[in-house]
Amino acid sequence: MAATSNKPRVATVSLAGCFGCHMSLLDIDERLLDLAELIEFDRSPINDYKSFDGRRCAVGLIEGGCANEENVRVLRDFRTHCDVLVSVGACAINGGIPALRNMVSVEECIDEAYRSGLTVVNPDGILPDDPELPRLLDRVRPCHEVVKIDYHLPGCPPSADTIWNALTALLSGAPPELPYPLIKYD
C-alpha cells in the first residue's frame, strides 16, 4: 500500500449542473501545479475517484443542486466526510438552470422529455424504468436546503480567481475574503 500524504485533502463533485464550475477550477491554469503541491484530491472527477477513501477532507467543493435522490445521497456523503463544504456556482446556491423545472410537476417534465416533446420519437410512450436511474425529487433544491453549507461562491460559473482565492484561504485556515471584483457580475 502506498504511503499517505499529510497534505490537506480536497474533494469535488458535480451534482445537477453543467460542469462549468469544474471547468473554472481547471482554468486556474498553471496554478494547478501550485495546487497539486498544496493538496491531495480525494473523491473528484479530476482524478476520477468515485468514493471517499475514509480519511477526512479539509474542503469539499459542490457544484450543482439536488435534482434526484442520488444527488442528495452524494451531498450528504460529502457533508459527512468534509470539514468545510462550499457551494460553488448558481446551481449549488439557488438551483440554477436545472431549477427551471420547478415551475412544472415532475410528471409534466417526464411527459415532455419522453412522450410529448417536440423532438421525441416514442410512439409507444415507454418510460425509462432502469432501477439504476435515481428517482427525481419534486423540485430541484439548492445544497443548503439539504445539508449545512459553510461558504458560497457565486457565479455561473465563479471565475478561476474566485475559486483559487477561496480555496487557498480555506486551506490556510482563514475564511475566504473575496474582493468585490471577484463576486461582481454585470
Protein backbone atom coordinates (compact mmCIF):
# COMPACT_ATOMS: atom_id res chain seq x y z
CA MET A 1 0.00 0.00 0.00
CA ALA A 2 1.31 3.47 -0.88
CA ALA A 3 2.21 5.92 1.88
CA THR A 4 -0.44 8.53 2.57
CA SER A 5 0.24 12.23 2.21
CA ASN A 6 -0.01 14.77 5.02
CA LYS A 7 -1.39 17.33 2.59
CA PRO A 8 -4.93 18.61 3.17
CA ARG A 9 -7.45 16.70 1.12
CA VAL A 10 -9.96 18.35 -1.21
CA ALA A 11 -12.99 16.62 -2.73
CA THR A 12 -15.15 17.94 -5.57
CA VAL A 13 -18.39 16.82 -7.17
CA SER A 14 -20.85 17.91 -9.82
CA LEU A 15 -24.50 17.23 -8.97
CA ALA A 16 -27.31 18.66 -11.15
CA GLY A 17 -25.35 21.24 -13.13
CA CYS A 18 -23.30 21.66 -16.26
CA PHE A 19 -19.72 21.06 -15.02
CA GLY A 20 -18.86 24.73 -15.69
CA CYS A 21 -17.59 25.23 -12.14
CA HIS A 22 -15.13 22.36 -12.56
CA MET A 23 -14.01 23.99 -15.80
CA SER A 24 -13.33 27.18 -13.82
CA LEU A 25 -11.29 25.14 -11.35
CA LEU A 26 -9.25 23.81 -14.27
CA ASP A 27 -8.96 27.40 -15.57
CA ILE A 28 -6.61 28.26 -12.72
CA ASP A 29 -4.12 27.09 -15.35
CA GLU A 30 -0.51 26.87 -14.18
CA ARG A 31 -1.66 27.38 -10.59
CA LEU A 32 -2.90 23.77 -10.82
CA LEU A 33 0.73 22.81 -10.30
CA ASP A 34 0.87 25.01 -7.19
CA LEU A 35 -2.40 23.46 -6.02
CA ALA A 36 -1.00 19.97 -6.50
CA GLU A 37 1.83 20.93 -4.13
CA LEU A 38 -0.69 22.15 -1.52
CA ILE A 39 -3.38 19.45 -1.59
CA GLU A 40 -4.29 15.90 -2.40
CA PHE A 41 -7.53 15.35 -4.31
CA ASP A 42 -9.88 12.81 -2.78
CA ARG A 43 -13.22 11.97 -4.41
CA SER A 44 -13.32 14.09 -7.56
CA PRO A 45 -13.88 13.93 -11.30
CA ILE A 46 -10.41 15.48 -11.56
CA ASN A 47 -8.83 12.18 -10.52
CA ASP A 48 -11.91 10.03 -11.30
CA TYR A 49 -12.18 8.71 -7.73
CA LYS A 50 -15.85 7.97 -7.20
CA SER A 51 -15.86 7.43 -3.43
CA PHE A 52 -14.09 8.68 -0.33
CA ASP A 53 -11.19 6.58 0.93
CA GLY A 54 -12.15 7.00 4.60
CA ARG A 55 -9.82 9.86 5.51
CA ARG A 56 -11.23 13.32 6.30
CA CYS A 57 -11.21 16.02 3.66
CA ALA A 58 -10.40 19.59 4.60
CA VAL A 59 -12.63 21.06 1.89
CA GLY A 60 -15.46 19.80 -0.29
CA LEU A 61 -16.44 21.81 -3.37
CA ILE A 62 -20.02 21.16 -4.51
CA GLU A 63 -21.18 22.13 -7.98
CA GLY A 64 -24.84 21.71 -8.93
CA GLY A 65 -28.05 21.39 -6.99
CA CYS A 66 -30.07 18.36 -5.92
CA ALA A 67 -32.46 17.14 -8.61
CA ASN A 68 -32.70 13.47 -7.63
CA GLU A 69 -32.20 11.06 -4.74
CA GLU A 70 -28.64 10.24 -5.83
CA ASN A 71 -27.67 13.93 -5.67
CA VAL A 72 -28.99 14.06 -2.08
CA ARG A 73 -27.08 10.91 -1.10
CA VAL A 74 -23.82 12.21 -2.58
CA LEU A 75 -24.24 15.62 -0.93
CA ARG A 76 -24.87 14.05 2.48
CA ASP A 77 -21.81 11.85 1.97
CA PHE A 78 -19.74 14.99 1.28
CA ARG A 79 -21.07 16.63 4.44
CA THR A 80 -20.04 13.53 6.42
CA HIS A 81 -16.51 13.44 5.00
CA CYS A 82 -15.59 17.14 4.63
CA ASP A 83 -14.71 19.64 7.36
CA VAL A 84 -15.74 22.62 5.21
CA LEU A 85 -18.35 22.43 2.49
CA VAL A 86 -18.54 25.09 -0.24
CA SER A 87 -21.44 25.59 -2.67
CA VAL A 88 -19.80 26.62 -5.93
CA GLY A 89 -21.90 28.42 -8.52
CA ALA A 90 -25.51 29.33 -9.13
CA CYS A 91 -26.82 25.75 -9.38
CA ALA A 92 -25.44 24.78 -5.95
CA ILE A 93 -26.52 28.08 -4.38
CA ASN A 94 -30.03 28.50 -5.80
CA GLY A 95 -30.71 25.61 -8.20
CA GLY A 96 -29.60 27.49 -11.32
CA ILE A 97 -30.87 26.47 -14.74
CA PRO A 98 -31.91 22.95 -13.58
CA ALA A 99 -34.36 24.61 -11.16
CA LEU A 100 -36.37 25.93 -14.12
CA ARG A 101 -38.18 22.60 -13.95
CA ASN A 102 -39.55 23.67 -10.54
CA MET A 103 -42.27 25.55 -12.42
CA VAL A 104 -43.90 22.32 -13.54
CA SER A 105 -44.60 18.96 -11.92
CA VAL A 106 -42.24 16.01 -12.22
CA GLU A 107 -44.94 14.21 -14.20
CA GLU A 108 -45.07 17.06 -16.73
CA CYS A 109 -41.26 17.02 -17.04
CA ILE A 110 -41.19 13.28 -17.67
CA ASP A 111 -44.04 13.54 -20.17
CA GLU A 112 -42.25 16.32 -22.07
CA ALA A 113 -38.90 14.50 -22.04
CA TYR A 114 -40.12 11.05 -23.04
CA ARG A 115 -43.58 11.29 -24.62
CA SER A 116 -44.75 14.61 -25.97
CA GLY A 117 -41.69 16.80 -26.52
CA LEU A 118 -41.27 18.29 -30.00
CA THR A 119 -38.20 16.18 -30.74
CA VAL A 120 -39.38 12.98 -29.02
CA VAL A 121 -39.98 9.89 -31.14
CA ASN A 122 -41.57 7.35 -28.78
CA PRO A 123 -44.81 6.08 -30.37
CA ASP A 124 -45.40 3.55 -27.58
CA GLY A 125 -44.88 6.14 -24.82
CA ILE A 126 -42.41 3.91 -23.00
CA LEU A 127 -40.73 5.50 -20.00
CA PRO A 128 -37.25 4.52 -18.77
CA ASP A 129 -37.58 2.04 -15.91
CA ASP A 130 -33.99 1.03 -15.20
CA PRO A 131 -33.50 0.56 -11.44
CA GLU A 132 -30.14 2.37 -11.78
CA LEU A 133 -31.95 5.65 -12.56
CA PRO A 134 -32.40 7.71 -9.39
CA ARG A 135 -35.87 8.98 -8.54
CA LEU A 136 -36.39 12.67 -9.33
CA LEU A 137 -37.14 14.98 -6.42
CA ASP A 138 -40.36 17.01 -6.52
CA ARG A 139 -38.19 20.06 -7.23
CA VAL A 140 -34.52 20.94 -7.66
CA ARG A 141 -33.11 22.05 -4.32
CA PRO A 142 -30.06 24.20 -3.60
CA CYS A 143 -27.46 22.44 -1.47
CA HIS A 144 -28.10 24.45 1.70
CA GLU A 145 -31.65 23.07 1.83
CA VAL A 146 -30.21 19.55 2.16
CA VAL A 147 -27.08 19.94 4.34
CA LYS A 148 -25.21 22.67 6.20
CA ILE A 149 -23.05 24.63 3.76
CA ASP A 150 -20.18 26.68 5.16
CA TYR A 151 -19.45 29.02 2.24
CA HIS A 152 -20.98 30.06 -1.09
CA LEU A 153 -19.05 31.10 -4.20
CA PRO A 154 -21.48 32.90 -6.53
CA GLY A 155 -21.28 32.95 -10.29
CA CYS A 156 -22.24 30.92 -13.29
CA PRO A 157 -19.57 29.80 -13.02
CA PRO A 158 -17.39 31.60 -10.46
CA SER A 159 -14.13 32.73 -12.03
CA ALA A 160 -10.94 30.73 -11.67
CA ASP A 161 -9.54 33.53 -9.50
CA THR A 162 -12.56 33.36 -7.18
CA ILE A 163 -12.14 29.61 -6.72
CA TRP A 164 -8.35 29.92 -6.29
CA ASN A 165 -8.63 32.71 -3.69
CA ALA A 166 -11.35 30.94 -1.72
CA LEU A 167 -9.62 27.56 -1.77
CA THR A 168 -6.19 28.85 -0.80
CA ALA A 169 -7.71 30.92 2.03
CA LEU A 170 -9.62 27.90 3.37
CA LEU A 171 -6.53 25.70 3.14
CA SER A 172 -4.58 28.26 5.19
CA GLY A 173 -7.30 28.17 7.85
CA ALA A 174 -8.73 31.60 7.04
CA PRO A 175 -12.25 32.39 5.88
CA PRO A 176 -12.34 33.50 2.24
CA GLU A 177 -12.34 37.27 1.87
CA LEU A 178 -13.01 37.87 -1.78
CA PRO A 179 -12.51 41.33 -3.24
CA TYR A 180 -15.60 42.84 -4.82
CA PRO A 181 -14.43 42.40 -8.44
CA LEU A 182 -14.34 38.61 -7.89
CA ILE A 183 -18.01 38.44 -6.86
CA LYS A 184 -19.44 41.27 -9.00
CA TYR A 185 -21.41 40.19 -12.02
CA ASP A 186 -22.82 42.59 -14.60
